[in-house]
Protein backbone atom coordinates (compact mmCIF):
# COMPACT_ATOMS: atom_id res chain seq x y z
CA MET A 1 0.00 -0.01 0.00
CA LEU A 2 1.13 3.52 -0.70
CA ASN A 3 2.04 5.58 2.24
CA ASN A 4 4.07 8.32 0.60
CA GLY A 5 2.10 8.90 -2.57
CA SER A 6 4.63 7.34 -4.92
CA ILE A 7 4.41 4.26 -7.07
CA THR A 8 6.61 2.49 -9.54
CA ILE A 9 5.21 1.22 -12.85
CA LYS A 10 6.65 -0.49 -15.91
CA LEU A 11 5.81 0.98 -19.27
CA ASP A 12 6.46 -0.57 -22.69
CA PRO A 13 8.95 1.45 -24.73
CA ARG A 14 6.30 2.96 -26.99
CA THR A 15 4.19 4.21 -24.11
CA ALA A 16 7.28 5.56 -22.30
CA ARG A 17 8.27 7.44 -25.41
CA GLN A 18 4.74 8.84 -25.85
CA LEU A 19 4.65 9.91 -22.19
CA ALA A 20 7.99 11.69 -22.55
CA GLU A 21 6.84 13.47 -25.70
CA ARG A 22 3.61 14.64 -24.18
CA ALA A 23 5.34 15.79 -21.02
CA ARG A 24 7.84 17.74 -23.01
CA GLU A 25 4.99 19.41 -24.99
CA GLU A 26 3.36 20.37 -21.66
CA GLY A 27 6.64 21.61 -20.21
CA VAL A 28 6.73 19.17 -17.33
CA THR A 29 8.58 16.07 -16.31
CA PRO A 30 7.22 12.68 -17.42
CA GLU A 31 6.64 11.95 -13.70
CA GLN A 32 4.58 15.17 -13.28
CA PHE A 33 2.62 14.47 -16.41
CA ALA A 34 1.88 10.87 -15.35
CA ALA A 35 0.77 12.11 -11.86
CA GLU A 36 -1.61 14.54 -13.51
CA LEU A 37 -3.03 11.85 -15.77
CA VAL A 38 -3.67 9.51 -12.86
CA ALA A 39 -5.26 12.26 -10.76
CA GLU A 40 -7.58 13.23 -13.65
CA ALA A 41 -8.47 9.58 -14.36
CA ILE A 42 -9.42 8.72 -10.78
CA ALA A 43 -11.34 11.96 -10.34
CA VAL A 44 -13.80 10.98 -13.08
CA ASP A 45 -17.14 9.67 -11.84
CA ILE A 46 -17.77 6.90 -14.35
CA ASP A 47 -21.44 6.71 -13.28
CA ALA A 48 -22.11 10.35 -14.07
CA PRO A 49 -22.69 11.54 -17.61
CA PRO A 50 -20.04 13.85 -19.03
CA PRO A 51 -20.82 17.61 -18.58
CA GLY A 52 -22.94 19.02 -21.32
CA LEU A 53 -24.60 15.79 -22.22
CA LEU A 54 -27.61 16.27 -20.00
CA VAL A 55 -30.62 17.44 -22.03
CA PRO A 56 -33.93 18.35 -20.48
CA GLU A 57 -36.58 15.83 -21.46
CA GLU A 58 -38.68 18.55 -23.26
CA ASP A 59 -35.70 19.40 -25.44
CA LEU A 60 -34.99 15.79 -26.19
CA ARG A 61 -38.58 15.12 -27.21
CA ALA A 62 -38.59 18.22 -29.45
CA SER A 63 -35.38 17.12 -31.09
CA ILE A 64 -36.68 13.62 -31.78
CA ALA A 65 -39.94 15.08 -33.19
CA GLU A 66 -37.95 17.36 -35.51
CA GLN A 67 -35.75 14.56 -36.69
CA MET A 68 -38.80 12.37 -37.39
CA ARG A 69 -40.34 15.26 -39.35
CA GLN A 70 -37.12 15.60 -41.43
CA LEU A 71 -37.07 11.89 -42.17
CA GLU A 72 -40.73 11.83 -43.18
CA SER A 73 -40.34 15.00 -45.42
CA GLY A 74 -37.22 13.62 -47.10
CA GLU A 75 -34.94 16.46 -45.74
CA ALA A 76 -32.94 13.80 -43.98
CA GLU A 77 -32.16 10.11 -44.61
CA LEU A 78 -31.14 7.23 -42.47
CA ILE A 79 -27.69 5.74 -43.21
CA PRO A 80 -27.38 2.03 -42.66
CA HIS A 81 -25.35 1.04 -39.59
CA GLU A 82 -23.10 -1.18 -41.72
CA GLN A 83 -22.23 1.72 -44.01
CA VAL A 84 -21.43 4.03 -41.09
CA MET A 85 -19.20 1.40 -39.45
CA ALA A 86 -17.40 0.65 -42.70
CA GLU A 87 -16.65 4.32 -43.19
CA MET A 88 -15.48 4.77 -39.61
CA ARG A 89 -13.23 1.66 -39.87
CA ALA A 90 -11.67 3.08 -43.05
CA LYS A 91 -11.00 6.40 -41.30
CA LEU A 92 -9.49 4.74 -38.32
CA ASP A 93 -7.29 2.51 -40.51
CA ALA A 94 -6.14 5.61 -42.44
CA ALA A 95 -5.32 7.42 -39.17
CA LYS A 96 -3.36 4.40 -37.92
CA ALA A 97 -1.41 4.14 -41.19
CA ARG A 98 -0.49 7.87 -40.89
CA LYS A 99 0.86 7.26 -37.43
CA ALA A 100 2.90 4.21 -38.32
């Protein structure tokens, strides 16, 4: 158990390199950057919705009604899930290829 607030962790070389790069960009040491990341991560309440995502029920109902109207009038169209996923996979693959 921690009694002085310090821990030791092992990082793979890629993660260690990324940590050092991000810390340098932020103007802090890798240790300081890692400590900030850990503090932010454990401060998050995973049961609470992210800020800004709460919509009053009345607004939600109005938005759904407007979207249904747009679909019925032909102003908007539904895109099949499979098509959306295929496009997103292609974008992710392209992004990964650029990073490699």
